[in-house]
Protein backbone atom coordinates (compact mmCIF):
# COMPACT_ATOMS: atom_id res chain seq x y z
CA UNK A 1 137.40 131.23 156.90
CA UNK A 2 133.99 130.31 158.26
CA UNK A 3 130.83 129.76 156.22
CA UNK A 4 129.51 133.15 157.28
CA UNK A 5 132.58 135.02 155.96
CA UNK A 6 130.33 137.36 153.98
CA UNK A 7 128.74 138.78 157.13
CA UNK A 8 129.95 142.31 157.75
CA UNK A 9 131.74 142.54 154.41
CA UNK A 10 130.92 145.58 152.26
CA UNK A 11 129.34 144.78 148.90
CA UNK A 12 129.30 147.26 146.02
CA UNK A 13 126.46 146.45 143.61
CA UNK A 14 126.28 148.63 140.52
CA UNK A 15 122.89 149.08 138.91
CA UNK A 16 121.43 148.46 142.34
CA UNK A 17 118.34 150.66 142.07
CA UNK A 18 115.91 148.11 140.66
CA UNK A 19 115.38 144.75 138.99
CA UNK A 20 118.27 142.30 139.14
CA UNK A 21 120.52 144.77 140.97
CA UNK A 22 118.02 145.35 143.76
CA UNK A 23 117.41 141.60 144.10
CA UNK A 24 121.18 141.05 144.39
CA UNK A 25 121.46 143.73 147.08
CA UNK A 26 118.69 142.14 149.12
CA UNK A 27 120.03 138.59 148.69
CA UNK A 28 123.43 139.72 149.95
CA UNK A 29 121.83 141.70 152.78
CA UNK A 30 120.11 138.50 153.95
CA UNK A 31 123.59 137.00 154.26
CA UNK A 32 124.60 139.86 156.56
CA UNK A 33 126.52 141.80 153.94
CA UNK A 34 126.78 145.60 154.18
CA UNK A 35 125.26 147.07 151.01
CA UNK A 36 126.38 149.93 148.76
CA UNK A 37 123.82 150.22 145.96
CA UNK A 38 125.21 152.41 143.17
CA UNK A 39 123.07 153.62 140.29
CA UNK A 40 122.31 156.58 137.99
CA UNK A 41 118.87 156.44 139.60
CA UNK A 42 119.72 157.97 142.96
CA UNK A 43 116.26 157.72 144.58
CA UNK A 44 115.99 154.09 143.45
CA UNK A 45 119.40 153.30 144.93
CA UNK A 46 118.39 154.87 148.23
CA UNK A 47 115.13 152.89 148.20
CA UNK A 48 117.15 149.70 147.78
CA UNK A 49 119.35 150.76 150.69
CA UNK A 50 116.26 151.35 152.82
CA UNK A 51 115.01 147.84 152.04
CA UNK A 52 118.44 146.42 152.91
CA UNK A 53 118.47 148.27 156.23
CA UNK A 54 115.10 146.72 157.03
CA UNK A 55 116.90 143.36 156.81
CA UNK A 56 119.21 144.46 159.60
CA UNK A 57 122.36 145.56 157.76
CA UNK A 58 124.03 148.90 157.14
CA UNK A 59 123.35 150.17 153.63
CA UNK A 60 123.93 153.18 151.44
CA UNK A 61 122.37 154.32 148.17
CA UNK A 62 124.87 156.15 145.95
CA UNK A 63 124.29 158.18 142.79
CA UNK A 64 126.87 157.61 140.04
CA UNK A 65 127.18 156.73 136.36
CA UNK A 66 129.57 153.78 136.08
CA UNK A 67 130.75 154.97 132.67
CA UNK A 68 132.20 158.09 134.34
CA UNK A 69 135.48 157.17 136.05
CA UNK A 70 135.59 160.30 138.19
CA UNK A 71 132.01 159.73 139.34
CA UNK A 72 132.86 156.18 140.39
CA UNK A 73 135.93 157.41 142.27
CA UNK A 74 133.85 159.99 144.12
CA UNK A 75 131.16 157.43 144.94
CA UNK A 76 133.74 155.00 146.29
CA UNK A 77 135.30 157.72 148.44
CA UNK A 78 131.91 158.17 150.08
CA UNK A 79 131.37 154.42 150.42
CA UNK A 80 134.78 153.95 152.06
CA UNK A 81 134.15 156.83 154.41
CA UNK A 82 130.70 155.65 155.52
CA UNK A 83 130.89 151.86 155.19
CA UNK A 84 134.48 150.75 154.52
CA UNK A 85 136.33 149.18 151.60
CA UNK A 86 134.18 146.92 149.40
CA UNK A 87 135.32 143.29 149.54
CA UNK A 88 132.52 142.17 147.21
CA UNK A 89 131.95 143.84 143.85
CA UNK A 90 129.02 142.93 141.61
CA UNK A 91 129.18 144.62 138.21
CA UNK A 92 125.52 144.62 137.27
CA UNK A 93 124.90 148.08 135.78
CA UNK A 94 123.69 147.79 132.21
CA UNK A 95 121.52 149.16 129.45
CA UNK A 96 119.44 147.42 126.79
CA UNK A 97 119.52 149.97 123.97
CA UNK A 98 117.21 150.20 121.00
CA UNK A 99 116.95 147.06 118.82
CA UNK A 100 118.78 147.41 115.51
CA UNK A 101 120.34 145.03 113.04
CA UNK A 102 124.12 145.39 112.86
CA UNK A 103 123.94 147.02 109.41
CA UNK A 104 121.87 149.79 111.00
CA UNK A 105 123.86 150.07 114.24
CA UNK A 106 125.10 153.58 114.99
CA UNK A 107 128.57 154.29 116.33
CA UNK A 108 127.03 156.19 119.23
CA UNK A 109 124.87 153.21 120.27
CA UNK A 110 127.84 150.83 119.95
CA UNK A 111 130.05 153.14 122.00
CA UNK A 112 127.47 153.58 124.75
CA UNK A 113 127.08 149.83 125.26
CA UNK A 114 130.83 149.48 125.84
CA UNK A 115 130.98 152.59 128.03
CA UNK A 116 128.36 151.26 130.43
CA UNK A 117 129.13 147.54 130.43
CA UNK A 118 132.88 147.27 129.83
CA UNK A 119 134.20 150.64 130.99
CA UNK A 120 131.77 150.50 133.91
CA UNK A 121 133.20 147.15 135.03
CA UNK A 122 136.75 148.46 134.60
CA UNK A 123 136.04 151.52 136.74
CA UNK A 124 134.26 149.57 139.47
CA UNK A 125 136.83 146.77 139.76
CA UNK A 126 139.97 148.84 139.19
CA UNK A 127 139.02 151.17 142.04
CA UNK A 128 138.30 148.35 144.51
CA UNK A 129 140.78 145.57 143.70
CA UNK A 130 143.85 146.81 145.59
CA UNK A 131 142.27 146.65 149.08
CA UNK A 132 141.04 143.12 148.32
CA UNK A 133 144.58 142.10 147.38
CA UNK A 134 145.90 143.64 150.58
CA UNK A 135 143.33 141.85 152.76
CA UNK A 136 143.59 138.51 150.94
CA UNK A 137 139.83 138.12 150.47
CA UNK A 138 137.45 139.26 147.78
CA UNK A 139 134.58 138.32 145.49
CA UNK A 140 134.03 139.80 142.05
CA UNK A 141 130.94 138.84 140.08
CA UNK A 142 130.30 140.24 136.62
CA UNK A 143 126.79 140.11 135.20
CA UNK A 144 127.10 139.21 131.53
CA UNK A 145 124.25 137.72 129.47
CA UNK A 146 123.24 134.61 127.59
CA UNK A 147 123.53 136.90 124.55
CA UNK A 148 127.31 136.61 124.95
CA UNK A 149 126.97 132.88 124.17
CA UNK A 150 124.08 132.77 121.72
CA UNK A 151 124.24 136.15 120.03
CA UNK A 152 121.10 138.25 119.91
CA UNK A 153 119.44 139.35 116.70
CA UNK A 154 119.11 143.13 116.72
CA UNK A 155 121.50 143.56 119.66
CA UNK A 156 125.02 143.20 118.26
CA UNK A 157 126.54 145.92 120.43
CA UNK A 158 124.92 144.52 123.58
CA UNK A 159 126.06 140.96 122.85
CA UNK A 160 129.57 142.14 121.95
CA UNK A 161 129.92 144.17 125.15
CA UNK A 162 128.61 141.31 127.29
CA UNK A 163 131.05 138.96 125.55
CA UNK A 164 133.95 141.30 126.29
CA UNK A 165 133.11 141.04 129.98
CA UNK A 166 133.81 137.29 129.87
CA UNK A 167 137.36 137.92 128.66
CA UNK A 168 137.85 140.39 131.49
CA UNK A 169 136.42 137.91 134.00
CA UNK A 170 138.74 135.07 132.98
CA UNK A 171 141.83 137.29 132.96
CA UNK A 172 141.04 138.70 136.40
CA UNK A 173 140.38 135.19 137.70
CA UNK A 174 143.84 134.09 136.55
CA UNK A 175 145.53 137.15 138.01
CA UNK A 176 143.72 136.83 141.35
CA UNK A 177 143.92 133.05 141.75
CA UNK A 178 145.77 132.13 144.92
CA UNK A 179 145.19 135.55 146.44
CA UNK A 180 141.89 134.78 148.15
CA UNK A 181 139.87 136.54 145.45
CA UNK A 182 137.45 134.74 143.15
CA UNK A 183 136.14 136.21 139.90
CA UNK A 184 133.12 134.74 138.13
CA UNK A 185 130.32 135.69 135.76
CA UNK A 186 126.58 135.17 135.81
CA UNK A 187 124.85 134.99 132.42
CA UNK A 188 121.11 135.60 132.84
CA UNK A 189 118.65 134.20 130.34
CA UNK A 190 115.29 135.89 129.80
CA UNK A 191 114.53 137.67 133.07
CA UNK A 192 111.43 139.73 133.76
CA UNK A 193 112.42 143.18 135.00
CA UNK A 194 111.10 146.69 134.51
CA UNK A 195 113.54 147.05 131.61
CA UNK A 196 112.34 143.90 129.82
CA UNK A 197 108.65 143.83 130.76
CA UNK A 198 107.36 145.84 127.78
CA UNK A 199 109.16 143.63 125.27
CA UNK A 200 108.05 140.46 127.06
CA UNK A 201 104.35 141.37 126.79
CA UNK A 202 104.45 140.72 123.03
CA UNK A 203 106.30 137.40 123.09
CA UNK A 204 105.86 135.96 126.58
CA UNK A 205 103.53 133.11 125.66
CA UNK A 206 105.73 131.96 122.79
CA UNK A 207 108.88 132.29 124.89
CA UNK A 208 107.52 130.33 127.82
CA UNK A 209 106.34 127.58 125.51
CA UNK A 210 109.85 127.31 124.04
CA UNK A 211 111.76 127.38 127.34
CA UNK A 212 112.37 123.91 128.84
CA UNK A 213 111.32 125.19 132.29
CA UNK A 214 108.23 126.89 130.80
CA UNK A 215 108.74 130.25 132.52
CA UNK A 216 110.87 133.34 132.19
CA UNK A 217 113.26 134.05 135.01
CA UNK A 218 112.85 136.30 138.02
CA UNK A 219 115.49 138.71 139.38
CA UNK A 220 115.80 136.46 142.43
CA UNK A 221 116.99 133.60 140.18
CA UNK A 222 120.03 135.69 139.31
CA UNK A 223 120.49 137.07 142.82
CA UNK A 224 120.65 133.56 144.30
CA UNK A 225 123.46 132.61 141.92
CA UNK A 226 125.37 135.78 142.82
CA UNK A 227 124.93 135.16 146.55
CA UNK A 228 126.35 131.65 146.12
CA UNK A 229 129.39 132.93 144.23
CA UNK A 230 130.04 135.51 146.94
CA UNK A 231 129.83 132.95 149.73
CA UNK A 232 132.48 130.73 151.26
CA UNK A 233 130.67 127.78 149.66
CA UNK A 234 132.10 128.97 146.34
CA UNK A 235 135.65 129.55 147.61
CA UNK A 236 137.03 127.05 145.05
CA UNK A 237 135.01 128.45 142.14
CA UNK A 238 136.75 131.00 139.93
CA UNK A 239 136.86 131.86 136.23
CA UNK A 240 133.43 130.28 135.76
CA UNK A 241 130.15 131.19 134.10
CA UNK A 242 126.86 130.32 135.76
CA UNK A 243 123.84 130.84 133.52
CA UNK A 244 120.39 130.75 135.16
CA UNK A 245 118.33 130.54 131.96
CA UNK A 246 115.62 127.92 132.45
CA UNK A 247 117.35 125.49 130.08
CA UNK A 248 117.46 127.94 127.16
CA UNK A 249 121.19 127.23 126.76
CA UNK A 250 122.99 124.21 128.19
CA UNK A 251 126.49 124.71 126.81
């Protein structure tokens, strides 16, 4: 398949309304990919779609909560009807949650992290995998976190959920190997987004001094890694973790 194999393919990006998700949508749109931006923030998803259309591709903003299987099914029915079957799936939807040491973690907070991150990935991939297998081409990218490698004080449920995604990624990669479908994970380091900006204000100077590259990341740093993994240039890359983190972790 040619180097521009992504062009015309439909990409489902969950959490596509803002931040990293929006940057991923626009990076894929620049490669000629048709964009389906799915998010609980419907207006934000539609705004992302508008920006993607300005880049010359078809795009759709879709309202859905990835933790709700029926909502994802309904959203995908609309996407298939208006755009076609997704051949690229980027599981980016996520939540940060309130900081709490594990001894103070509530069952509700723990459950919600897994509902959004792990169940959300299950719903999104399970509902799109069969057409990829039939066509013999697909790209699945799961957005995990450096917290899955390092742990994160005050964020046990978040780190645990992001770690679970790596087990899913590797298993899917094994099951899809040889079928034209690659499955990989991107593990962002400290990235400045709307979700993280408030927390960064208090510690930015100290963080940037500690990071080998002396800056926090931008959403585009993650989007560029995702675009590579979705491209034909990464056709022989599967079951791998790429971690754009400014040198914070080099494992």
